[in-house]
Amino acid sequence: MNITLIYWLIPSLIMFCCGVYGFITRKNMIAMLISLELMLNAVDINFVLFNRYLFPGQMEGMFFTLFAIAIAAAETALAIAIIINIFRSIKTVDVQGIDKMKF
């Protein structure tokens, strides 16, 4: 049984839409970061998917996805460090509380 392209695109689209919805509606920076990672994972699925269907014998999509995952891990570590420093200074991780950091 051969699974067609649409059966992989629909879950990826749902993941991306959930990430966009979570990023727009959340006020907590940790929840926004999780939503951003969900969107990046949906994009990684699409990289692998289109590489598999357009160029079945090549591995560029897989390698690009590995690099994207590594960059996402570094971005997450940096974002969590920034969130921890914000929490130490203003005692909240809500986005509305960040305007208190102005000079």
PDB file of N, CA and C in Angstrom:
ATOM      1  N   MET A   1       0.839  -1.174   0.000  1.00  0.00           N
ATOM      2  CA  MET A   1       0.000   0.000   0.000  1.00  0.00           C
ATOM      3  C   MET A   1       0.884   1.237   0.000  1.00  0.00           C
ATOM      4  N   ASN A   2       0.705   2.099  -0.954  1.00  0.00           N
ATOM      5  CA  ASN A   2       1.505   3.301  -1.091  1.00  0.00           C
ATOM      6  C   ASN A   2       0.744   4.491  -0.508  1.00  0.00           C
ATOM      7  N   ILE A   3       1.373   5.171   0.428  1.00  0.00           N
ATOM      8  CA  ILE A   3       0.759   6.335   1.046  1.00  0.00           C
ATOM      9  C   ILE A   3       1.074   7.555   0.192  1.00  0.00           C
ATOM     10  N   THR A   4       0.058   8.305  -0.181  1.00  0.00           N
ATOM     11  CA  THR A   4       0.266   9.452  -1.059  1.00  0.00           C
ATOM     12  C   THR A   4       0.723  10.670  -0.260  1.00  0.00           C
ATOM     13  N   LEU A   5       1.046  11.704  -0.993  1.00  0.00           N
ATOM     14  CA  LEU A   5       1.586  12.931  -0.411  1.00  0.00           C
ATOM     15  C   LEU A   5       0.602  13.626   0.519  1.00  0.00           C
ATOM     16  N   ILE A   6      -0.656  13.586   0.213  1.00  0.00           N
ATOM     17  CA  ILE A   6      -1.655  14.323   0.987  1.00  0.00           C
ATOM     18  C   ILE A   6      -1.798  13.781   2.409  1.00  0.00           C
ATOM     19  N   TYR A   7      -1.561  12.481   2.596  1.00  0.00           N
ATOM     20  CA  TYR A   7      -1.675  11.898   3.928  1.00  0.00           C
ATOM     21  C   TYR A   7      -0.580  12.379   4.863  1.00  0.00           C
ATOM     22  N   TRP A   8       0.501  12.906   4.322  1.00  0.00           N
ATOM     23  CA  TRP A   8       1.575  13.482   5.144  1.00  0.00           C
ATOM     24  C   TRP A   8       1.422  14.993   5.258  1.00  0.00           C
ATOM     25  N   LEU A   9       0.855  15.621   4.252  1.00  0.00           N
ATOM     26  CA  LEU A   9       0.699  17.078   4.277  1.00  0.00           C
ATOM     27  C   LEU A   9      -0.367  17.534   5.268  1.00  0.00           C
ATOM     28  N   ILE A  10      -1.422  16.775   5.406  1.00  0.00           N
ATOM     29  CA  ILE A  10      -2.511  17.175   6.301  1.00  0.00           C
ATOM     30  C   ILE A  10      -2.052  17.228   7.765  1.00  0.00           C
ATOM     31  N   PRO A  11      -1.371  16.203   8.314  1.00  0.00           N
ATOM     32  CA  PRO A  11      -0.886  16.343   9.702  1.00  0.00           C
ATOM     33  C   PRO A  11       0.127  17.481   9.865  1.00  0.00           C
ATOM     34  N   SER A  12       0.957  17.684   8.849  1.00  0.00           N
ATOM     35  CA  SER A  12       1.913  18.785   8.922  1.00  0.00           C
ATOM     36  C   SER A  12       1.196  20.127   8.926  1.00  0.00           C
ATOM     37  N   LEU A  13       0.167  20.265   8.126  1.00  0.00           N
ATOM     38  CA  LEU A  13      -0.616  21.493   8.099  1.00  0.00           C
ATOM     39  C   LEU A  13      -1.325  21.720   9.429  1.00  0.00           C
ATOM     40  N   ILE A  14      -1.865  20.655  10.003  1.00  0.00           N
ATOM     41  CA  ILE A  14      -2.534  20.774  11.304  1.00  0.00           C
ATOM     42  C   ILE A  14      -1.535  21.191  12.383  1.00  0.00           C
ATOM     43  N   MET A  15      -0.342  20.600  12.357  1.00  0.00           N
ATOM     44  CA  MET A  15       0.686  20.986  13.323  1.00  0.00           C
ATOM     45  C   MET A  15       1.060  22.454  13.172  1.00  0.00           C
ATOM     46  N   PHE A  16       1.247  22.897  11.936  1.00  0.00           N
ATOM     47  CA  PHE A  16       1.629  24.282  11.702  1.00  0.00           C
ATOM     48  C   PHE A  16       0.527  25.238  12.144  1.00  0.00           C
ATOM     49  N   CYS A  17      -0.722  24.913  11.837  1.00  0.00           N
ATOM     50  CA  CYS A  17      -1.832  25.776  12.230  1.00  0.00           C
ATOM     51  C   CYS A  17      -1.993  25.822  13.753  1.00  0.00           C
ATOM     52  N   CYS A  18      -1.792  24.713  14.423  1.00  0.00           N
ATOM     53  CA  CYS A  18      -1.836  24.709  15.887  1.00  0.00           C
ATOM     54  C   CYS A  18      -0.716  25.571  16.466  1.00  0.00           C
ATOM     55  N   GLY A  19       0.441  25.527  15.849  1.00  0.00           N
ATOM     56  CA  GLY A  19       1.551  26.359  16.299  1.00  0.00           C
ATOM     57  C   GLY A  19       1.270  27.838  16.110  1.00  0.00           C
ATOM     58  N   VAL A  20       0.711  28.207  14.967  1.00  0.00           N
ATOM     59  CA  VAL A  20       0.365  29.612  14.721  1.00  0.00           C
ATOM     60  C   VAL A  20      -0.704  30.074  15.707  1.00  0.00           C
ATOM     61  N   TYR A  21      -1.718  29.259  15.907  1.00  0.00           N
ATOM     62  CA  TYR A  21      -2.778  29.606  16.854  1.00  0.00           C
ATOM     63  C   TYR A  21      -2.214  29.763  18.267  1.00  0.00           C
ATOM     64  N   GLY A  22      -1.356  28.841  18.683  1.00  0.00           N
ATOM     65  CA  GLY A  22      -0.766  28.928  20.012  1.00  0.00           C
ATOM     66  C   GLY A  22       0.132  30.137  20.170  1.00  0.00           C
ATOM     67  N   PHE A  23       0.871  30.469  19.128  1.00  0.00           N
ATOM     68  CA  PHE A  23       1.777  31.622  19.206  1.00  0.00           C
ATOM     69  C   PHE A  23       0.989  32.926  19.290  1.00  0.00           C
ATOM     70  N   ILE A  24      -0.125  33.007  18.578  1.00  0.00           N
ATOM     71  CA  ILE A  24      -0.909  34.239  18.575  1.00  0.00           C
ATOM     72  C   ILE A  24      -1.718  34.404  19.862  1.00  0.00           C
ATOM     73  N   THR A  25      -2.243  33.326  20.400  1.00  0.00           N
ATOM     74  CA  THR A  25      -3.170  33.433  21.530  1.00  0.00           C
ATOM     75  C   THR A  25      -2.497  33.373  22.901  1.00  0.00           C
ATOM     76  N   ARG A  26      -1.304  32.850  23.005  1.00  0.00           N
ATOM     77  CA  ARG A  26      -0.670  32.699  24.315  1.00  0.00           C
ATOM     78  C   ARG A  26      -0.006  33.989  24.766  1.00  0.00           C
ATOM     79  N   LYS A  27       0.023  34.196  26.071  1.00  0.00           N
ATOM     80  CA  LYS A  27       0.708  35.343  26.651  1.00  0.00           C
ATOM     81  C   LYS A  27       1.965  34.928  27.390  1.00  0.00           C
ATOM     82  N   ASN A  28       2.109  33.646  27.635  1.00  0.00           N
ATOM     83  CA  ASN A  28       3.270  33.112  28.331  1.00  0.00           C
ATOM     84  C   ASN A  28       4.392  32.856  27.322  1.00  0.00           C
ATOM     85  N   MET A  29       5.598  33.320  27.627  1.00  0.00           N
ATOM     86  CA  MET A  29       6.699  33.173  26.673  1.00  0.00           C
ATOM     87  C   MET A  29       7.097  31.715  26.460  1.00  0.00           C
ATOM     88  N   ILE A  30       6.978  30.879  27.475  1.00  0.00           N
ATOM     89  CA  ILE A  30       7.308  29.452  27.324  1.00  0.00           C
ATOM     90  C   ILE A  30       6.319  28.788  26.367  1.00  0.00           C
ATOM     91  N   ALA A  31       5.039  29.090  26.518  1.00  0.00           N
ATOM     92  CA  ALA A  31       4.026  28.528  25.612  1.00  0.00           C
ATOM     93  C   ALA A  31       4.229  29.031  24.190  1.00  0.00           C
ATOM     94  N   MET A  32       4.642  30.280  24.042  1.00  0.00           N
ATOM     95  CA  MET A  32       4.921  30.806  22.708  1.00  0.00           C
ATOM     96  C   MET A  32       6.121  30.102  22.089  1.00  0.00           C
ATOM     97  N   LEU A  33       7.122  29.806  22.896  1.00  0.00           N
ATOM     98  CA  LEU A  33       8.300  29.078  22.403  1.00  0.00           C
ATOM     99  C   LEU A  33       7.933  27.663  21.969  1.00  0.00           C
ATOM    100  N   ILE A  34       7.074  27.008  22.728  1.00  0.00           N
ATOM    101  CA  ILE A  34       6.620  25.668  22.356  1.00  0.00           C
ATOM    102  C   ILE A  34       5.836  25.711  21.044  1.00  0.00           C
ATOM    103  N   SER A  35       5.013  26.732  20.870  1.00  0.00           N
ATOM    104  CA  SER A  35       4.258  26.880  19.624  1.00  0.00           C
ATOM    105  C   SER A  35       5.189  27.133  18.449  1.00  0.00           C
ATOM    106  N   LEU A  36       6.225  27.913  18.661  1.00  0.00           N
ATOM    107  CA  LEU A  36       7.202  28.166  17.611  1.00  0.00           C
ATOM    108  C   LEU A  36       7.929  26.878  17.223  1.00  0.00           C
ATOM    109  N   GLU A  37       8.270  26.063  18.196  1.00  0.00           N
ATOM    110  CA  GLU A  37       8.924  24.784  17.911  1.00  0.00           C
ATOM    111  C   GLU A  37       7.984  23.844  17.167  1.00  0.00           C
ATOM    112  N   LEU A  38       6.702  23.898  17.469  1.00  0.00           N
ATOM    113  CA  LEU A  38       5.730  23.082  16.752  1.00  0.00           C
ATOM    114  C   LEU A  38       5.668  23.481  15.280  1.00  0.00           C
ATOM    115  N   MET A  39       5.729  24.778  15.017  1.00  0.00           N
ATOM    116  CA  MET A  39       5.742  25.238  13.624  1.00  0.00           C
ATOM    117  C   MET A  39       7.017  24.799  12.916  1.00  0.00           C
ATOM    118  N   LEU A  40       8.159  24.875  13.595  1.00  0.00           N
ATOM    119  CA  LEU A  40       9.415  24.449  12.981  1.00  0.00           C
ATOM    120  C   LEU A  40       9.416  22.952  12.685  1.00  0.00           C
ATOM    121  N   ASN A  41       8.819  22.161  13.556  1.00  0.00           N
ATOM    122  CA  ASN A  41       8.747  20.719  13.311  1.00  0.00           C
ATOM    123  C   ASN A  41       7.837  20.403  12.124  1.00  0.00           C
ATOM    124  N   ALA A  42       6.767  21.160  11.955  1.00  0.00           N
ATOM    125  CA  ALA A  42       5.904  20.962  10.789  1.00  0.00           C
ATOM    126  C   ALA A  42       6.657  21.286   9.501  1.00  0.00           C
ATOM    127  N   VAL A  43       7.467  22.325   9.527  1.00  0.00           N
ATOM    128  CA  VAL A  43       8.271  22.670   8.355  1.00  0.00           C
ATOM    129  C   VAL A  43       9.310  21.585   8.073  1.00  0.00           C
ATOM    130  N   ASP A  44       9.914  21.029   9.114  1.00  0.00           N
ATOM    131  CA  ASP A  44      10.886  19.941   8.925  1.00  0.00           C
ATOM    132  C   ASP A  44      10.243  18.714   8.290  1.00  0.00           C
ATOM    133  N   ILE A  45       9.014  18.408   8.696  1.00  0.00           N
ATOM    134  CA  ILE A  45       8.302  17.295   8.075  1.00  0.00           C
ATOM    135  C   ILE A  45       8.106  17.558   6.586  1.00  0.00           C
ATOM    136  N   ASN A  46       7.779  18.802   6.246  1.00  0.00           N
ATOM    137  CA  ASN A  46       7.594  19.139   4.834  1.00  0.00           C
ATOM    138  C   ASN A  46       8.891  19.042   4.048  1.00  0.00           C
ATOM    139  N   PHE A  47      10.021  19.430   4.643  1.00  0.00           N
ATOM    140  CA  PHE A  47      11.309  19.287   3.962  1.00  0.00           C
ATOM    141  C   PHE A  47      11.573  17.836   3.595  1.00  0.00           C
ATOM    142  N   VAL A  48      11.397  16.953   4.552  1.00  0.00           N
ATOM    143  CA  VAL A  48      11.641  15.533   4.310  1.00  0.00           C
ATOM    144  C   VAL A  48      10.624  14.979   3.318  1.00  0.00           C
ATOM    145  N   LEU A  49       9.397  15.379   3.463  1.00  0.00           N
ATOM    146  CA  LEU A  49       8.329  14.875   2.599  1.00  0.00           C
ATOM    147  C   LEU A  49       8.554  15.253   1.140  1.00  0.00           C
ATOM    148  N   PHE A  50       8.823  16.515   0.886  1.00  0.00           N
ATOM    149  CA  PHE A  50       9.005  16.935  -0.501  1.00  0.00           C
ATOM    150  C   PHE A  50      10.299  16.400  -1.092  1.00  0.00           C
ATOM    151  N   ASN A  51      11.316  16.227  -0.269  1.00  0.00           N
ATOM    152  CA  ASN A  51      12.534  15.592  -0.769  1.00  0.00           C
ATOM    153  C   ASN A  51      12.260  14.144  -1.162  1.00  0.00           C
ATOM    154  N   ARG A  52      11.491  13.461  -0.362  1.00  0.00           N
ATOM    155  CA  ARG A  52      11.191  12.047  -0.629  1.00  0.00           C
ATOM    156  C   ARG A  52      10.382  11.876  -1.913  1.00  0.00           C
ATOM    157  N   TYR A  53       9.418  12.770  -2.149  1.00  0.00           N
ATOM    158  CA  TYR A  53       8.555  12.618  -3.313  1.00  0.00           C
ATOM    159  C   TYR A  53       9.115  13.258  -4.577  1.00  0.00           C
ATOM    160  N   LEU A  54       9.883  14.340  -4.452  1.00  0.00           N
ATOM    161  CA  LEU A  54      10.411  14.994  -5.647  1.00  0.00           C
ATOM    162  C   LEU A  54      11.745  14.406  -6.098  1.00  0.00           C
ATOM    163  N   PHE A  55      12.599  14.079  -5.129  1.00  0.00           N
ATOM    164  CA  PHE A  55      13.929  13.527  -5.430  1.00  0.00           C
ATOM    165  C   PHE A  55      14.150  12.284  -4.575  1.00  0.00           C
ATOM    166  N   PRO A  56      13.573  11.136  -4.936  1.00  0.00           N
ATOM    167  CA  PRO A  56      13.595   9.963  -4.057  1.00  0.00           C
ATOM    168  C   PRO A  56      14.979   9.411  -3.766  1.00  0.00           C
ATOM    169  N   GLY A  57      15.929   9.579  -4.656  1.00  0.00           N
ATOM    170  CA  GLY A  57      17.243   8.998  -4.420  1.00  0.00           C
ATOM    171  C   GLY A  57      18.217   9.910  -3.716  1.00  0.00           C
ATOM    172  N   GLN A  58      17.823  11.138  -3.452  1.00  0.00           N
ATOM    173  CA  GLN A  58      18.747  12.103  -2.864  1.00  0.00           C
ATOM    174  C   GLN A  58      18.389  12.374  -1.414  1.00  0.00           C
ATOM    175  N   MET A  59      19.358  12.950  -0.684  1.00  0.00           N
ATOM    176  CA  MET A  59      19.188  13.132   0.752  1.00  0.00           C
ATOM    177  C   MET A  59      19.256  14.598   1.187  1.00  0.00           C
ATOM    178  N   GLU A  60      19.136  15.556   0.278  1.00  0.00           N
ATOM    179  CA  GLU A  60      19.299  16.952   0.651  1.00  0.00           C
ATOM    180  C   GLU A  60      18.245  17.415   1.655  1.00  0.00           C
ATOM    181  N   GLY A  61      17.015  16.987   1.480  1.00  0.00           N
ATOM    182  CA  GLY A  61      15.955  17.374   2.412  1.00  0.00           C
ATOM    183  C   GLY A  61      16.199  16.845   3.805  1.00  0.00           C
ATOM    184  N   MET A  62      16.727  15.623   3.899  1.00  0.00           N
ATOM    185  CA  MET A  62      17.024  15.052   5.203  1.00  0.00           C
ATOM    186  C   MET A  62      18.166  15.804   5.883  1.00  0.00           C
ATOM    187  N   PHE A  63      19.200  16.130   5.126  1.00  0.00           N
ATOM    188  CA  PHE A  63      20.327  16.863   5.700  1.00  0.00           C
ATOM    189  C   PHE A  63      19.906  18.268   6.123  1.00  0.00           C
ATOM    190  N   PHE A  64      19.091  18.913   5.290  1.00  0.00           N
ATOM    191  CA  PHE A  64      18.611  20.237   5.642  1.00  0.00           C
ATOM    192  C   PHE A  64      17.761  20.179   6.902  1.00  0.00           C
ATOM    193  N   THR A  65      16.974  19.130   7.059  1.00  0.00           N
ATOM    194  CA  THR A  65      16.171  18.962   8.263  1.00  0.00           C
ATOM    195  C   THR A  65      17.042  18.751   9.487  1.00  0.00           C
ATOM    196  N   LEU A  66      18.117  17.974   9.353  1.00  0.00           N
ATOM    197  CA  LEU A  66      19.025  17.790  10.489  1.00  0.00           C
ATOM    198  C   LEU A  66      19.657  19.107  10.910  1.00  0.00           C
ATOM    199  N   PHE A  67      20.063  19.920   9.952  1.00  0.00           N
ATOM    200  CA  PHE A  67      20.611  21.224  10.293  1.00  0.00           C
ATOM    201  C   PHE A  67      19.547  22.123  10.922  1.00  0.00           C
ATOM    202  N   ALA A  68      18.338  22.055  10.419  1.00  0.00           N
ATOM    203  CA  ALA A  68      17.256  22.863  10.984  1.00  0.00           C
ATOM    204  C   ALA A  68      16.944  22.441  12.415  1.00  0.00           C
ATOM    205  N   ILE A  69      17.013  21.151  12.704  1.00  0.00           N
ATOM    206  CA  ILE A  69      16.781  20.676  14.069  1.00  0.00           C
ATOM    207  C   ILE A  69      17.892  21.146  14.991  1.00  0.00           C
ATOM    208  N   ALA A  70      19.130  21.123  14.518  1.00  0.00           N
ATOM    209  CA  ALA A  70      20.250  21.599  15.331  1.00  0.00           C
ATOM    210  C   ALA A  70      20.128  23.093  15.610  1.00  0.00           C
ATOM    211  N   ILE A  71      19.752  23.861  14.610  1.00  0.00           N
ATOM    212  CA  ILE A  71      19.575  25.296  14.809  1.00  0.00           C
ATOM    213  C   ILE A  71      18.397  25.565  15.745  1.00  0.00           C
ATOM    214  N   ALA A  72      17.337  24.788  15.622  1.00  0.00           N
ATOM    215  CA  ALA A  72      16.185  24.955  16.512  1.00  0.00           C
ATOM    216  C   ALA A  72      16.553  24.628  17.959  1.00  0.00           C
ATOM    217  N   ALA A  73      17.407  23.641  18.170  1.00  0.00           N
ATOM    218  CA  ALA A  73      17.842  23.312  19.527  1.00  0.00           C
ATOM    219  C   ALA A  73      18.669  24.452  20.126  1.00  0.00           C
ATOM    220  N   ALA A  74      19.555  25.030  19.324  1.00  0.00           N
ATOM    221  CA  ALA A  74      20.345  26.165  19.803  1.00  0.00           C
ATOM    222  C   ALA A  74      19.452  27.376  20.062  1.00  0.00           C
ATOM    223  N   GLU A  75      18.480  27.601  19.198  1.00  0.00           N
ATOM    224  CA  GLU A  75      17.550  28.714  19.380  1.00  0.00           C
ATOM    225  C   GLU A  75      16.723  28.524  20.635  1.00  0.00           C
ATOM    226  N   THR A  76      16.303  27.312  20.916  1.00  0.00           N
ATOM    227  CA  THR A  76      15.527  27.039  22.121  1.00  0.00           C
ATOM    228  C   THR A  76      16.354  27.261  23.374  1.00  0.00           C
ATOM    229  N   ALA A  77      17.603  26.824  23.361  1.00  0.00           N
ATOM    230  CA  ALA A  77      18.471  27.032  24.524  1.00  0.00           C
ATOM    231  C   ALA A  77      18.683  28.523  24.780  1.00  0.00           C
ATOM    232  N   LEU A  78      18.907  29.284  23.729  1.00  0.00           N
ATOM    233  CA  LEU A  78      19.090  30.724  23.869  1.00  0.00           C
ATOM    234  C   LEU A  78      17.810  31.394  24.346  1.00  0.00           C
ATOM    235  N   ALA A  79      16.673  31.003  23.802  1.00  0.00           N
ATOM    236  CA  ALA A  79      15.400  31.600  24.206  1.00  0.00           C
ATOM    237  C   ALA A  79      15.081  31.289  25.664  1.00  0.00           C
ATOM    238  N   ILE A  80      15.354  30.080  26.110  1.00  0.00           N
ATOM    239  CA  ILE A  80      15.103  29.731  27.513  1.00  0.00           C
ATOM    240  C   ILE A  80      16.028  30.516  28.428  1.00  0.00           C
ATOM    241  N   ALA A  81      17.281  30.738  28.017  1.00  0.00           N
ATOM    242  CA  ALA A  81      18.189  31.555  28.820  1.00  0.00           C
ATOM    243  C   ALA A  81      17.689  32.993  28.929  1.00  0.00           C
ATOM    244  N   ILE A  82      17.184  33.533  27.838  1.00  0.00           N
ATOM    245  CA  ILE A  82      16.626  34.889  27.864  1.00  0.00           C
ATOM    246  C   ILE A  82      15.385  34.942  28.756  1.00  0.00           C
ATOM    247  N   ILE A  83      14.528  33.935  28.653  1.00  0.00           N
ATOM    248  CA  ILE A  83      13.311  33.898  29.474  1.00  0.00           C
ATOM    249  C   ILE A  83      13.664  33.793  30.950  1.00  0.00           C
ATOM    250  N   ILE A  84      14.677  33.021  31.290  1.00  0.00           N
ATOM    251  CA  ILE A  84      15.102  32.908  32.691  1.00  0.00           C
ATOM    252  C   ILE A  84      15.618  34.243  33.201  1.00  0.00           C
ATOM    253  N   ASN A  85      16.400  34.956  32.400  1.00  0.00           N
ATOM    254  CA  ASN A  85      16.891  36.276  32.823  1.00  0.00           C
ATOM    255  C   ASN A  85      15.754  37.279  32.971  1.00  0.00           C
ATOM    256  N   ILE A  86      14.776  37.233  32.085  1.00  0.00           N
ATOM    257  CA  ILE A  86      13.609  38.111  32.219  1.00  0.00           C
ATOM    258  C   ILE A  86      12.847  37.780  33.489  1.00  0.00           C
ATOM    259  N   PHE A  87      12.691  36.491  33.771  1.00  0.00           N
ATOM    260  CA  PHE A  87      11.976  36.096  34.986  1.00  0.00           C
ATOM    261  C   PHE A  87      12.716  36.552  36.236  1.00  0.00           C
ATOM    262  N   ARG A  88      14.036  36.484  36.226  1.00  0.00           N
ATOM    263  CA  ARG A  88      14.810  36.930  37.387  1.00  0.00           C
ATOM    264  C   ARG A  88      14.665  38.420  37.634  1.00  0.00           C
ATOM    265  N   SER A  89      14.515  39.192  36.573  1.00  0.00           N
ATOM    266  CA  SER A  89      14.465  40.641  36.777  1.00  0.00           C
ATOM    267  C   SER A  89      13.056  41.157  37.053  1.00  0.00           C
ATOM    268  N   ILE A  90      12.022  40.612  36.407  1.00  0.00           N
ATOM    269  CA  ILE A  90      10.677  41.158  36.613  1.00  0.00           C
ATOM    270  C   ILE A  90       9.692  40.161  37.219  1.00  0.00           C
ATOM    271  N   LYS A  91      10.125  38.951  37.508  1.00  0.00           N
ATOM    272  CA  LYS A  91       9.319  37.931  38.202  1.00  0.00           C
ATOM    273  C   LYS A  91       8.063  37.493  37.461  1.00  0.00           C
ATOM    274  N   THR A  92       8.075  37.558  36.134  1.00  0.00           N
ATOM    275  CA  THR A  92       6.961  37.052  35.332  1.00  0.00           C
ATOM    276  C   THR A  92       7.482  36.655  33.960  1.00  0.00           C
ATOM    277  N   VAL A  93       6.764  35.737  33.325  1.00  0.00           N
ATOM    278  CA  VAL A  93       7.119  35.340  31.964  1.00  0.00           C
ATOM    279  C   VAL A  93       6.012  35.699  30.985  1.00  0.00           C
ATOM    280  N   ASP A  94       5.096  36.556  31.427  1.00  0.00           N
ATOM    281  CA  ASP A  94       4.054  37.026  30.528  1.00  0.00           C
ATOM    282  C   ASP A  94       4.594  38.120  29.622  1.00  0.00           C
ATOM    283  N   VAL A  95       4.094  38.157  28.406  1.00  0.00           N
ATOM    284  CA  VAL A  95       4.579  39.111  27.422  1.00  0.00           C
ATOM    285  C   VAL A  95       4.214  40.545  27.827  1.00  0.00           C
ATOM    286  N   GLN A  96       3.063  40.748  28.469  1.00  0.00           N
ATOM    287  CA  GLN A  96       2.657  42.086  28.860  1.00  0.00           C
ATOM    288  C   GLN A  96       3.577  42.675  29.932  1.00  0.00           C
ATOM    289  N   GLY A  97       4.260  41.828  30.690  1.00  0.00           N
ATOM    290  CA  GLY A  97       5.145  42.323  31.748  1.00  0.00           C
ATOM    291  C   GLY A  97       6.491  42.795  31.257  1.00  0.00           C
ATOM    292  N   ILE A  98       6.788  42.577  29.995  1.00  0.00           N
ATOM    293  CA  ILE A  98       8.115  42.931  29.482  1.00  0.00           C
ATOM    294  C   ILE A  98       8.269  44.438  29.333  1.00  0.00           C
ATOM    295  N   ASP A  99       7.169  45.183  29.178  1.00  0.00           N
ATOM    296  CA  ASP A  99       7.312  46.628  29.019  1.00  0.00           C
ATOM    297  C   ASP A  99       7.823  47.296  30.301  1.00  0.00           C
ATOM    298  N   LYS A 100       7.845  46.589  31.404  1.00  0.00           N
ATOM    299  CA  LYS A 100       8.402  47.122  32.654  1.00  0.00           C
ATOM    300  C   LYS A 100       9.919  47.207  32.606  1.00  0.00           C
ATOM    301  N   MET A 101      10.541  46.574  31.598  1.00  0.00           N
ATOM    302  CA  MET A 101      11.998  46.577  31.513  1.00  0.00           C
ATOM    303  C   MET A 101      12.545  47.823  30.820  1.00  0.00           C
ATOM    304  N   LYS A 102      11.681  48.731  30.402  1.00  0.00           N
ATOM    305  CA  LYS A 102      12.145  49.931  29.733  1.00  0.00           C
ATOM    306  C   LYS A 102      12.936  50.796  30.723  1.00  0.00           C
ATOM    307  N   PHE A 103      13.798  51.644  30.167  1.00  0.00           N
ATOM    308  CA  PHE A 103      14.639  52.493  31.018  1.00  0.00           C
ATOM    309  C   PHE A 103      13.831  53.546  31.723  1.00  0.00           C
TER     310      PHE A 103
END
